[in-house]
Amino acid sequence: MDRIPLPSWAERKRLITTAITKTQRWIESFVIDLNLCPFAHQVKKSDAIHYTVSDSEAPHEILRALHEEISYLDGDQVAETSFLILTKGMKGFREFNDWLAMGQSLLEMMDWVGTYQLVGFHPHHQFAGTDPKAAENYTNRSPYPMVHILRESSVTRALEAGEDVALITERNTDTLNQLGIERLIERWQDCCTEHLE
């Protein structure tokens, strides 16, 4: 059986850059422009988001990448938050959710509960009890499967500033419903397209 050739470093670097660029475009288009997360504006403005791309497919290798990313945040107080972007693994939403539970177990095992939070995003995200085509699912639909790693202290500061999480969720649903599914799909697809410079 012929072995599949590994991509060259130049090609791998291009794929990493593309994944980060699409993620940044999605953050700008959905998270910030639609104000889905009011905490994100200042973090983006201060350039305090760290991005890591994993092309692994095996769950244990992706879990190792998550461990390394949280360890990075532990040692770098400049980065406020991080995205672990999965370009090949966890294509199925159910598989991703199962893996995310393993990620939560990692937090518990490493005594990181109370220090970090994990939030999952996925191209096929679907909230329980919703139609797959429901507009509200686009609050968590991203170009790739990815894990957002948040510092618990940052979340606490944001909540103390007066933001009500329940109201944010309700407002996001209203915003996406008003925009409409067709415009959401168009906006999301634009984020996922590799634009020519």
N, C-alpha and C. Protein backbone atom coordinates (compact mmCIF):
# COMPACT_ATOMS: atom_id res chain seq x y z
N MET A 1 0.86 -1.20 0.00
CA MET A 1 0.00 0.00 0.00
C MET A 1 0.89 1.25 0.00
N ASP A 2 0.59 2.18 -0.90
CA ASP A 2 1.38 3.40 -0.97
C ASP A 2 1.12 4.27 0.25
N ARG A 3 2.19 4.85 0.78
CA ARG A 3 2.05 5.74 1.92
C ARG A 3 1.66 7.13 1.43
N ILE A 4 0.76 7.76 2.17
CA ILE A 4 0.34 9.11 1.83
C ILE A 4 1.45 10.07 2.23
N PRO A 5 1.97 10.85 1.30
CA PRO A 5 3.07 11.76 1.64
C PRO A 5 2.62 12.84 2.62
N LEU A 6 3.51 13.13 3.57
CA LEU A 6 3.22 14.18 4.53
C LEU A 6 3.40 15.54 3.86
N PRO A 7 2.60 16.54 4.26
CA PRO A 7 2.76 17.86 3.66
C PRO A 7 4.10 18.47 4.04
N SER A 8 4.65 19.26 3.15
CA SER A 8 5.91 19.94 3.43
C SER A 8 5.68 20.97 4.53
N TRP A 9 6.79 21.44 5.12
CA TRP A 9 6.65 22.44 6.18
C TRP A 9 5.98 23.71 5.64
N ALA A 10 6.33 24.09 4.41
CA ALA A 10 5.73 25.29 3.82
C ALA A 10 4.22 25.12 3.66
N GLU A 11 3.79 23.93 3.22
CA GLU A 11 2.37 23.68 3.06
C GLU A 11 1.67 23.63 4.41
N ARG A 12 2.32 23.01 5.39
CA ARG A 12 1.73 22.93 6.73
C ARG A 12 1.60 24.33 7.34
N LYS A 13 2.60 25.15 7.12
CA LYS A 13 2.55 26.52 7.62
C LYS A 13 1.40 27.29 6.97
N ARG A 14 1.20 27.06 5.67
CA ARG A 14 0.11 27.72 4.96
C ARG A 14 -1.24 27.29 5.52
N LEU A 15 -1.39 25.99 5.82
CA LEU A 15 -2.65 25.47 6.37
C LEU A 15 -2.92 26.05 7.76
N ILE A 16 -1.86 26.19 8.56
CA ILE A 16 -2.00 26.77 9.89
C ILE A 16 -2.45 28.22 9.79
N THR A 17 -1.79 28.97 8.89
CA THR A 17 -2.14 30.38 8.70
C THR A 17 -3.58 30.53 8.23
N THR A 18 -3.99 29.65 7.32
CA THR A 18 -5.36 29.69 6.80
C THR A 18 -6.38 29.43 7.91
N ALA A 19 -6.10 28.43 8.75
CA ALA A 19 -7.02 28.09 9.85
C ALA A 19 -7.16 29.25 10.83
N ILE A 20 -6.04 29.88 11.16
CA ILE A 20 -6.09 31.01 12.10
C ILE A 20 -6.80 32.20 11.47
N THR A 21 -6.54 32.45 10.20
CA THR A 21 -7.19 33.57 9.51
C THR A 21 -8.70 33.40 9.46
N LYS A 22 -9.15 32.18 9.13
CA LYS A 22 -10.60 31.91 9.09
C LYS A 22 -11.22 32.08 10.47
N THR A 23 -10.50 31.62 11.49
CA THR A 23 -11.01 31.75 12.87
C THR A 23 -11.10 33.22 13.27
N GLN A 24 -10.08 33.99 12.94
CA GLN A 24 -10.10 35.42 13.27
C GLN A 24 -11.22 36.14 12.52
N ARG A 25 -11.45 35.75 11.27
CA ARG A 25 -12.53 36.35 10.49
C ARG A 25 -13.88 36.02 11.11
N TRP A 26 -14.03 34.77 11.58
CA TRP A 26 -15.28 34.36 12.24
C TRP A 26 -15.49 35.12 13.54
N ILE A 27 -14.43 35.28 14.33
CA ILE A 27 -14.55 36.04 15.58
C ILE A 27 -15.00 37.47 15.30
N GLU A 28 -14.41 38.07 14.27
CA GLU A 28 -14.75 39.46 13.92
C GLU A 28 -16.19 39.54 13.41
N SER A 29 -16.58 38.61 12.53
CA SER A 29 -17.88 38.67 11.87
C SER A 29 -19.04 38.30 12.78
N PHE A 30 -18.84 37.27 13.60
CA PHE A 30 -19.93 36.79 14.45
C PHE A 30 -19.80 37.29 15.89
N VAL A 31 -18.71 36.95 16.52
CA VAL A 31 -18.58 37.22 17.96
C VAL A 31 -18.57 38.71 18.26
N ILE A 32 -17.85 39.49 17.43
CA ILE A 32 -17.71 40.92 17.71
C ILE A 32 -18.75 41.76 16.98
N ASP A 33 -18.85 41.60 15.65
CA ASP A 33 -19.80 42.43 14.89
C ASP A 33 -21.24 42.23 15.34
N LEU A 34 -21.60 40.99 15.67
CA LEU A 34 -22.97 40.72 16.14
C LEU A 34 -23.08 40.83 17.66
N ASN A 35 -21.96 41.14 18.31
CA ASN A 35 -21.93 41.34 19.77
C ASN A 35 -22.44 40.11 20.53
N LEU A 36 -22.06 38.92 20.04
CA LEU A 36 -22.51 37.69 20.69
C LEU A 36 -21.80 37.49 22.04
N CYS A 37 -20.62 38.07 22.18
CA CYS A 37 -19.91 38.01 23.46
C CYS A 37 -19.36 39.39 23.75
N PRO A 38 -20.01 40.15 24.63
CA PRO A 38 -19.56 41.52 24.92
C PRO A 38 -18.18 41.57 25.57
N PHE A 39 -17.70 40.43 26.09
CA PHE A 39 -16.38 40.40 26.72
C PHE A 39 -15.26 40.35 25.68
N ALA A 40 -15.61 40.00 24.44
CA ALA A 40 -14.58 39.72 23.44
C ALA A 40 -13.94 40.99 22.86
N HIS A 41 -14.65 42.09 22.89
CA HIS A 41 -14.16 43.31 22.24
C HIS A 41 -12.80 43.74 22.78
N GLN A 42 -12.69 43.85 24.09
CA GLN A 42 -11.46 44.33 24.69
C GLN A 42 -10.31 43.35 24.50
N VAL A 43 -10.61 42.05 24.61
CA VAL A 43 -9.57 41.03 24.44
C VAL A 43 -9.01 41.07 23.02
N LYS A 44 -9.91 41.20 22.03
CA LYS A 44 -9.47 41.29 20.63
C LYS A 44 -8.67 42.57 20.41
N LYS A 45 -9.14 43.67 20.97
CA LYS A 45 -8.48 44.96 20.79
C LYS A 45 -7.08 44.96 21.37
N SER A 46 -6.90 44.29 22.49
CA SER A 46 -5.59 44.25 23.15
C SER A 46 -4.69 43.15 22.61
N ASP A 47 -5.16 42.43 21.59
CA ASP A 47 -4.38 41.37 20.94
C ASP A 47 -3.93 40.32 21.96
N ALA A 48 -4.88 39.92 22.82
CA ALA A 48 -4.56 38.99 23.90
C ALA A 48 -5.11 37.59 23.66
N ILE A 49 -5.41 37.26 22.39
CA ILE A 49 -5.91 35.93 22.04
C ILE A 49 -4.77 35.11 21.45
N HIS A 50 -4.57 33.91 21.97
CA HIS A 50 -3.54 33.02 21.44
C HIS A 50 -4.23 31.93 20.62
N TYR A 51 -3.63 31.58 19.48
CA TYR A 51 -4.20 30.57 18.59
C TYR A 51 -3.21 29.42 18.41
N THR A 52 -3.73 28.21 18.52
CA THR A 52 -2.93 27.02 18.22
C THR A 52 -3.74 26.11 17.31
N VAL A 53 -3.07 25.56 16.31
CA VAL A 53 -3.72 24.68 15.34
C VAL A 53 -3.20 23.26 15.51
N SER A 54 -4.11 22.30 15.60
CA SER A 54 -3.75 20.89 15.67
C SER A 54 -4.32 20.16 14.47
N ASP A 55 -3.45 19.42 13.76
CA ASP A 55 -3.94 18.61 12.64
C ASP A 55 -4.04 17.14 13.02
N SER A 56 -4.02 16.85 14.32
CA SER A 56 -4.17 15.48 14.80
C SER A 56 -5.61 15.02 14.64
N GLU A 57 -5.78 13.73 14.52
CA GLU A 57 -7.12 13.15 14.44
C GLU A 57 -7.44 12.27 15.64
N ALA A 58 -6.43 11.72 16.29
CA ALA A 58 -6.62 10.81 17.42
C ALA A 58 -7.04 11.61 18.66
N PRO A 59 -8.10 11.19 19.34
CA PRO A 59 -8.58 11.92 20.52
C PRO A 59 -7.50 12.14 21.59
N HIS A 60 -6.65 11.13 21.83
CA HIS A 60 -5.64 11.29 22.88
C HIS A 60 -4.57 12.31 22.48
N GLU A 61 -4.29 12.43 21.18
CA GLU A 61 -3.32 13.42 20.73
C GLU A 61 -3.91 14.83 20.84
N ILE A 62 -5.18 14.96 20.55
CA ILE A 62 -5.83 16.26 20.68
C ILE A 62 -5.93 16.65 22.15
N LEU A 63 -6.15 15.67 23.00
CA LEU A 63 -6.19 15.93 24.44
C LEU A 63 -4.81 16.40 24.92
N ARG A 64 -3.76 15.81 24.38
CA ARG A 64 -2.40 16.26 24.72
C ARG A 64 -2.19 17.70 24.27
N ALA A 65 -2.71 18.03 23.08
CA ALA A 65 -2.59 19.40 22.58
C ALA A 65 -3.33 20.38 23.49
N LEU A 66 -4.48 19.96 24.01
CA LEU A 66 -5.23 20.80 24.94
C LEU A 66 -4.43 21.02 26.22
N HIS A 67 -3.82 19.95 26.73
CA HIS A 67 -2.99 20.05 27.94
C HIS A 67 -1.84 21.04 27.70
N GLU A 68 -1.21 20.95 26.55
CA GLU A 68 -0.09 21.84 26.23
C GLU A 68 -0.55 23.28 26.11
N GLU A 69 -1.75 23.48 25.57
CA GLU A 69 -2.25 24.84 25.39
C GLU A 69 -2.59 25.49 26.73
N ILE A 70 -3.20 24.72 27.62
CA ILE A 70 -3.51 25.26 28.94
C ILE A 70 -2.21 25.53 29.71
N SER A 71 -1.25 24.65 29.56
CA SER A 71 0.05 24.86 30.21
C SER A 71 0.71 26.13 29.68
N TYR A 72 0.52 26.39 28.39
CA TYR A 72 1.04 27.63 27.81
C TYR A 72 0.42 28.84 28.49
N LEU A 73 -0.91 28.83 28.65
CA LEU A 73 -1.59 29.94 29.30
C LEU A 73 -1.11 30.10 30.74
N ASP A 74 -0.83 28.99 31.39
CA ASP A 74 -0.34 29.03 32.77
C ASP A 74 0.97 29.82 32.86
N GLY A 75 1.79 29.72 31.82
CA GLY A 75 3.09 30.37 31.86
C GLY A 75 3.16 31.70 31.15
N ASP A 76 2.05 32.12 30.53
CA ASP A 76 2.03 33.38 29.78
C ASP A 76 0.85 34.22 30.25
N GLN A 77 1.15 35.22 31.06
CA GLN A 77 0.09 36.04 31.62
C GLN A 77 -0.37 37.14 30.66
N VAL A 78 0.30 37.27 29.51
CA VAL A 78 -0.11 38.27 28.52
C VAL A 78 -1.33 37.79 27.76
N ALA A 79 -1.32 36.51 27.36
CA ALA A 79 -2.46 35.93 26.65
C ALA A 79 -3.64 35.79 27.61
N GLU A 80 -4.75 36.40 27.24
CA GLU A 80 -5.93 36.37 28.10
C GLU A 80 -6.75 35.10 27.88
N THR A 81 -6.71 34.61 26.65
CA THR A 81 -7.54 33.47 26.29
C THR A 81 -6.91 32.77 25.09
N SER A 82 -7.41 31.58 24.75
CA SER A 82 -6.80 30.81 23.67
C SER A 82 -7.83 29.99 22.93
N PHE A 83 -7.55 29.77 21.64
CA PHE A 83 -8.36 28.88 20.81
C PHE A 83 -7.48 27.74 20.32
N LEU A 84 -7.92 26.51 20.58
CA LEU A 84 -7.28 25.32 20.01
C LEU A 84 -8.13 24.91 18.82
N ILE A 85 -7.58 25.05 17.62
CA ILE A 85 -8.32 24.83 16.38
C ILE A 85 -7.97 23.46 15.81
N LEU A 86 -8.98 22.65 15.53
CA LEU A 86 -8.78 21.29 15.04
C LEU A 86 -9.11 21.23 13.55
N THR A 87 -8.09 21.08 12.73
CA THR A 87 -8.31 21.13 11.28
C THR A 87 -8.67 19.78 10.67
N LYS A 88 -8.39 18.68 11.39
CA LYS A 88 -8.68 17.36 10.84
C LYS A 88 -9.53 16.50 11.77
N GLY A 89 -9.38 16.67 13.04
CA GLY A 89 -10.08 15.81 13.99
C GLY A 89 -11.46 16.31 14.37
N MET A 90 -12.25 15.42 14.94
CA MET A 90 -13.55 15.73 15.53
C MET A 90 -14.53 16.35 14.53
N LYS A 91 -14.65 15.74 13.35
CA LYS A 91 -15.55 16.27 12.34
C LYS A 91 -17.02 16.13 12.73
N GLY A 92 -17.34 15.07 13.49
CA GLY A 92 -18.72 14.87 13.92
C GLY A 92 -19.00 15.62 15.22
N PHE A 93 -20.16 16.24 15.31
CA PHE A 93 -20.49 17.04 16.50
C PHE A 93 -20.62 16.17 17.74
N ARG A 94 -21.22 14.99 17.61
CA ARG A 94 -21.36 14.11 18.77
C ARG A 94 -20.00 13.64 19.25
N GLU A 95 -19.13 13.28 18.31
CA GLU A 95 -17.77 12.86 18.65
C GLU A 95 -17.04 13.99 19.38
N PHE A 96 -17.22 15.21 18.89
CA PHE A 96 -16.58 16.37 19.51
C PHE A 96 -17.09 16.58 20.93
N ASN A 97 -18.40 16.46 21.11
CA ASN A 97 -18.97 16.62 22.45
C ASN A 97 -18.43 15.58 23.42
N ASP A 98 -18.30 14.34 22.96
CA ASP A 98 -17.74 13.29 23.81
C ASP A 98 -16.30 13.61 24.18
N TRP A 99 -15.55 14.11 23.21
CA TRP A 99 -14.16 14.47 23.49
C TRP A 99 -14.08 15.65 24.46
N LEU A 100 -15.00 16.60 24.31
CA LEU A 100 -15.01 17.78 25.18
C LEU A 100 -15.21 17.36 26.64
N ALA A 101 -15.99 16.30 26.85
CA ALA A 101 -16.17 15.77 28.20
C ALA A 101 -14.83 15.24 28.74
N MET A 102 -14.03 14.66 27.85
CA MET A 102 -12.69 14.22 28.24
C MET A 102 -11.82 15.43 28.61
N GLY A 103 -12.00 16.51 27.88
CA GLY A 103 -11.27 17.73 28.19
C GLY A 103 -11.63 18.26 29.56
N GLN A 104 -12.92 18.18 29.92
CA GLN A 104 -13.35 18.61 31.24
C GLN A 104 -12.74 17.72 32.32
N SER A 105 -12.65 16.43 32.03
CA SER A 105 -12.00 15.50 32.97
C SER A 105 -10.53 15.86 33.16
N LEU A 106 -9.90 16.33 32.09
CA LEU A 106 -8.51 16.76 32.19
C LEU A 106 -8.38 17.94 33.15
N LEU A 107 -9.30 18.89 33.07
CA LEU A 107 -9.29 20.02 33.99
C LEU A 107 -9.36 19.53 35.44
N GLU A 108 -10.23 18.55 35.68
CA GLU A 108 -10.39 18.03 37.03
C GLU A 108 -9.13 17.30 37.48
N MET A 109 -8.55 16.50 36.60
CA MET A 109 -7.37 15.73 36.94
C MET A 109 -6.17 16.62 37.24
N MET A 110 -6.05 17.74 36.50
CA MET A 110 -4.92 18.64 36.67
C MET A 110 -5.20 19.75 37.70
N ASP A 111 -6.35 19.66 38.36
CA ASP A 111 -6.75 20.66 39.35
C ASP A 111 -6.83 22.06 38.72
N TRP A 112 -7.35 22.11 37.49
CA TRP A 112 -7.52 23.38 36.78
C TRP A 112 -8.95 23.90 36.84
N VAL A 113 -9.85 23.13 37.46
CA VAL A 113 -11.23 23.61 37.62
C VAL A 113 -11.20 24.82 38.54
N GLY A 114 -11.87 25.88 38.12
CA GLY A 114 -11.83 27.12 38.90
C GLY A 114 -10.76 28.07 38.39
N THR A 115 -9.88 27.56 37.54
CA THR A 115 -8.84 28.40 36.94
C THR A 115 -9.13 28.62 35.46
N TYR A 116 -9.63 27.56 34.79
CA TYR A 116 -9.93 27.65 33.36
C TYR A 116 -11.30 27.08 33.07
N GLN A 117 -11.91 27.58 32.01
CA GLN A 117 -13.16 27.05 31.49
C GLN A 117 -12.96 26.66 30.03
N LEU A 118 -13.68 25.65 29.59
CA LEU A 118 -13.64 25.23 28.19
C LEU A 118 -15.00 25.48 27.54
N VAL A 119 -14.97 26.08 26.36
CA VAL A 119 -16.20 26.28 25.58
C VAL A 119 -15.96 25.71 24.19
N GLY A 120 -16.85 24.83 23.77
CA GLY A 120 -16.69 24.19 22.47
C GLY A 120 -17.44 24.91 21.36
N PHE A 121 -16.83 24.96 20.18
CA PHE A 121 -17.46 25.49 18.97
C PHE A 121 -17.27 24.46 17.86
N HIS A 122 -18.25 24.36 16.98
CA HIS A 122 -18.18 23.31 15.95
C HIS A 122 -19.00 23.73 14.73
N PRO A 123 -18.56 23.34 13.53
CA PRO A 123 -19.32 23.69 12.32
C PRO A 123 -20.75 23.15 12.31
N HIS A 124 -21.00 22.07 13.07
CA HIS A 124 -22.34 21.47 13.09
C HIS A 124 -22.98 21.58 14.47
N HIS A 125 -22.59 22.60 15.21
CA HIS A 125 -23.14 22.76 16.56
C HIS A 125 -24.67 22.82 16.53
N GLN A 126 -25.26 22.13 17.49
CA GLN A 126 -26.72 22.14 17.60
C GLN A 126 -27.09 22.06 19.08
N PHE A 127 -27.78 23.09 19.56
CA PHE A 127 -28.24 23.08 20.94
C PHE A 127 -29.32 22.01 21.11
N ALA A 128 -29.35 21.39 22.27
CA ALA A 128 -30.33 20.35 22.56
C ALA A 128 -31.74 20.89 22.37
N GLY A 129 -32.56 20.11 21.68
CA GLY A 129 -33.96 20.48 21.50
C GLY A 129 -34.21 21.46 20.38
N THR A 130 -33.17 21.81 19.61
CA THR A 130 -33.37 22.76 18.51
C THR A 130 -33.33 22.05 17.16
N ASP A 131 -33.91 22.69 16.18
CA ASP A 131 -33.81 22.21 14.80
C ASP A 131 -32.39 22.48 14.31
N PRO A 132 -31.80 21.57 13.51
CA PRO A 132 -30.45 21.81 12.99
C PRO A 132 -30.31 23.13 12.24
N LYS A 133 -31.42 23.61 11.66
CA LYS A 133 -31.38 24.84 10.88
C LYS A 133 -31.75 26.08 11.71
N ALA A 134 -31.91 25.91 13.02
CA ALA A 134 -32.28 27.04 13.88
C ALA A 134 -31.17 28.08 13.90
N ALA A 135 -31.55 29.34 13.81
CA ALA A 135 -30.57 30.44 13.77
C ALA A 135 -29.71 30.47 15.01
N GLU A 136 -30.27 30.15 16.17
CA GLU A 136 -29.51 30.28 17.43
C GLU A 136 -28.29 29.37 17.48
N ASN A 137 -28.28 28.30 16.67
CA ASN A 137 -27.11 27.41 16.66
C ASN A 137 -25.85 28.12 16.17
N TYR A 138 -26.03 29.23 15.46
CA TYR A 138 -24.87 29.94 14.91
C TYR A 138 -24.10 30.72 15.98
N THR A 139 -24.59 30.76 17.20
CA THR A 139 -23.76 31.35 18.25
C THR A 139 -22.52 30.51 18.49
N ASN A 140 -22.61 29.21 18.21
CA ASN A 140 -21.49 28.30 18.46
C ASN A 140 -21.02 27.56 17.21
N ARG A 141 -21.40 28.03 16.04
CA ARG A 141 -20.94 27.39 14.79
C ARG A 141 -19.71 28.14 14.28
N SER A 142 -18.63 27.41 14.19
CA SER A 142 -17.33 27.98 13.83
C SER A 142 -16.79 27.31 12.56
N PRO A 143 -15.76 27.87 11.93
CA PRO A 143 -15.23 27.27 10.71
C PRO A 143 -14.63 25.88 10.91
N TYR A 144 -14.10 25.63 12.10
CA TYR A 144 -13.50 24.34 12.46
C TYR A 144 -14.01 23.93 13.84
N PRO A 145 -13.91 22.63 14.18
CA PRO A 145 -14.08 22.27 15.58
C PRO A 145 -12.99 22.98 16.39
N MET A 146 -13.34 23.59 17.48
CA MET A 146 -12.34 24.30 18.28
C MET A 146 -12.78 24.42 19.73
N VAL A 147 -11.77 24.58 20.58
CA VAL A 147 -12.00 24.75 22.01
C VAL A 147 -11.52 26.13 22.41
N HIS A 148 -12.39 26.88 23.02
CA HIS A 148 -12.02 28.19 23.56
C HIS A 148 -11.66 27.99 25.04
N ILE A 149 -10.44 28.33 25.38
CA ILE A 149 -9.97 28.19 26.76
C ILE A 149 -10.01 29.57 27.41
N LEU A 150 -10.81 29.70 28.44
CA LEU A 150 -10.97 30.98 29.13
C LEU A 150 -10.38 30.91 30.53
N ARG A 151 -9.79 32.00 30.94
CA ARG A 151 -9.37 32.10 32.34
C ARG A 151 -10.60 32.40 33.19
N GLU A 152 -10.79 31.65 34.24
CA GLU A 152 -11.94 31.85 35.13
C GLU A 152 -11.95 33.27 35.69
N SER A 153 -10.77 33.80 35.97
CA SER A 153 -10.69 35.15 36.54
C SER A 153 -11.22 36.19 35.56
N SER A 154 -11.01 35.98 34.27
CA SER A 154 -11.50 36.91 33.25
C SER A 154 -13.02 36.87 33.18
N VAL A 155 -13.58 35.66 33.26
CA VAL A 155 -15.04 35.51 33.24
C VAL A 155 -15.66 36.19 34.46
N THR A 156 -15.03 36.00 35.62
CA THR A 156 -15.53 36.61 36.85
C THR A 156 -15.53 38.13 36.77
N ARG A 157 -14.43 38.69 36.23
CA ARG A 157 -14.36 40.16 36.10
C ARG A 157 -15.45 40.68 35.17
N ALA A 158 -15.69 39.94 34.09
CA ALA A 158 -16.71 40.37 33.13
C ALA A 158 -18.10 40.36 33.78
N LEU A 159 -18.37 39.32 34.55
CA LEU A 159 -19.67 39.22 35.22
C LEU A 159 -19.84 40.29 36.28
N GLU A 160 -18.74 40.60 36.97
CA GLU A 160 -18.81 41.64 38.00
C GLU A 160 -19.03 43.02 37.39
N ALA A 161 -18.70 43.13 36.10
CA ALA A 161 -18.90 44.41 35.41
C ALA A 161 -20.37 44.66 35.10
N GLY A 162 -21.22 43.65 35.35
CA GLY A 162 -22.65 43.86 35.24
C GLY A 162 -23.35 43.11 34.13
N GLU A 163 -22.62 42.27 33.38
CA GLU A 163 -23.26 41.51 32.31
C GLU A 163 -24.01 40.31 32.87
N ASP A 164 -25.26 40.15 32.48
CA ASP A 164 -26.09 39.03 32.91
C ASP A 164 -26.04 37.96 31.81
N VAL A 165 -25.51 36.78 32.17
CA VAL A 165 -25.34 35.72 31.18
C VAL A 165 -26.67 35.32 30.55
N ALA A 166 -27.71 35.23 31.35
CA ALA A 166 -29.03 34.85 30.83
C ALA A 166 -29.53 35.86 29.80
N LEU A 167 -29.29 37.14 30.08
CA LEU A 167 -29.73 38.17 29.16
C LEU A 167 -28.91 38.14 27.87
N ILE A 168 -27.61 37.81 28.00
CA ILE A 168 -26.77 37.70 26.80
C ILE A 168 -27.30 36.61 25.88
N THR A 169 -27.63 35.46 26.46
CA THR A 169 -28.14 34.33 25.68
C THR A 169 -29.44 34.70 24.97
N GLU A 170 -30.33 35.36 25.70
CA GLU A 170 -31.61 35.77 25.12
C GLU A 170 -31.41 36.80 24.01
N ARG A 171 -30.51 37.75 24.25
CA ARG A 171 -30.23 38.77 23.25
C ARG A 171 -29.61 38.17 21.99
N ASN A 172 -28.70 37.20 22.18
CA ASN A 172 -28.07 36.56 21.03
C ASN A 172 -29.09 35.84 20.15
N THR A 173 -30.01 35.13 20.80
CA THR A 173 -31.05 34.43 20.06
C THR A 173 -31.89 35.40 19.25
N ASP A 174 -32.25 36.53 19.87
CA ASP A 174 -33.04 37.55 19.17
C ASP A 174 -32.25 38.13 17.99
N THR A 175 -30.96 38.39 18.21
CA THR A 175 -30.12 38.97 17.15
C THR A 175 -30.04 38.05 15.94
N LEU A 176 -29.80 36.76 16.20
CA LEU A 176 -29.65 35.80 15.10
C LEU A 176 -30.97 35.55 14.39
N ASN A 177 -32.06 35.50 15.14
CA ASN A 177 -33.37 35.31 14.52
C ASN A 177 -33.74 36.50 13.63
N GLN A 178 -33.40 37.70 14.07
CA GLN A 178 -33.69 38.89 13.29
C GLN A 178 -32.85 38.93 12.01
N LEU A 179 -31.62 38.47 12.11
CA LEU A 179 -30.75 38.45 10.94
C LEU A 179 -31.26 37.45 9.91
N GLY A 180 -31.77 36.31 10.39
CA GLY A 180 -32.34 35.30 9.49
C GLY A 180 -31.33 34.27 9.04
N ILE A 181 -31.82 33.06 8.81
CA ILE A 181 -30.94 31.93 8.53
C ILE A 181 -30.17 32.10 7.22
N GLU A 182 -30.79 32.68 6.20
CA GLU A 182 -30.10 32.83 4.91
C GLU A 182 -28.90 33.76 5.02
N ARG A 183 -29.07 34.87 5.71
CA ARG A 183 -27.96 35.81 5.88
C ARG A 183 -26.90 35.23 6.81
N LEU A 184 -27.31 34.45 7.78
CA LEU A 184 -26.34 33.80 8.68
C LEU A 184 -25.48 32.80 7.93
N ILE A 185 -26.12 32.01 7.07
CA ILE A 185 -25.38 31.03 6.27
C ILE A 185 -24.39 31.75 5.36
N GLU A 186 -24.83 32.81 4.73
CA GLU A 186 -23.95 33.58 3.84
C GLU A 186 -22.76 34.15 4.61
N ARG A 187 -23.03 34.70 5.78
CA ARG A 187 -21.96 35.28 6.60
C ARG A 187 -21.00 34.20 7.06
N TRP A 188 -21.54 33.05 7.48
CA TRP A 188 -20.71 31.95 7.98
C TRP A 188 -19.85 31.37 6.86
N GLN A 189 -20.44 31.20 5.69
CA GLN A 189 -19.68 30.66 4.56
C GLN A 189 -18.56 31.61 4.14
N ASP A 190 -18.79 32.90 4.26
CA ASP A 190 -17.75 33.87 3.94
C ASP A 190 -16.56 33.72 4.89
N CYS A 191 -16.85 33.43 6.15
CA CYS A 191 -15.77 33.20 7.12
C CYS A 191 -14.97 31.94 6.78
N CYS A 192 -15.63 30.96 6.23
CA CYS A 192 -15.00 29.66 5.96
C CYS A 192 -14.29 29.59 4.62
N THR A 193 -14.49 30.61 3.79
CA THR A 193 -13.87 30.63 2.47
C THR A 193 -12.45 31.16 2.55
N GLU A 194 -11.54 30.52 1.83
CA GLU A 194 -10.16 31.00 1.80
C GLU A 194 -10.08 32.14 0.80
N HIS A 195 -10.03 33.37 1.31
CA HIS A 195 -10.02 34.55 0.45
C HIS A 195 -8.67 34.72 -0.23
N LEU A 196 -8.70 35.12 -1.48
CA LEU A 196 -7.46 35.43 -2.20
C LEU A 196 -7.04 36.85 -1.87
N GLU A 197 -5.76 36.98 -1.49
CA GLU A 197 -5.27 38.32 -1.15
C GLU A 197 -5.01 39.13 -2.43
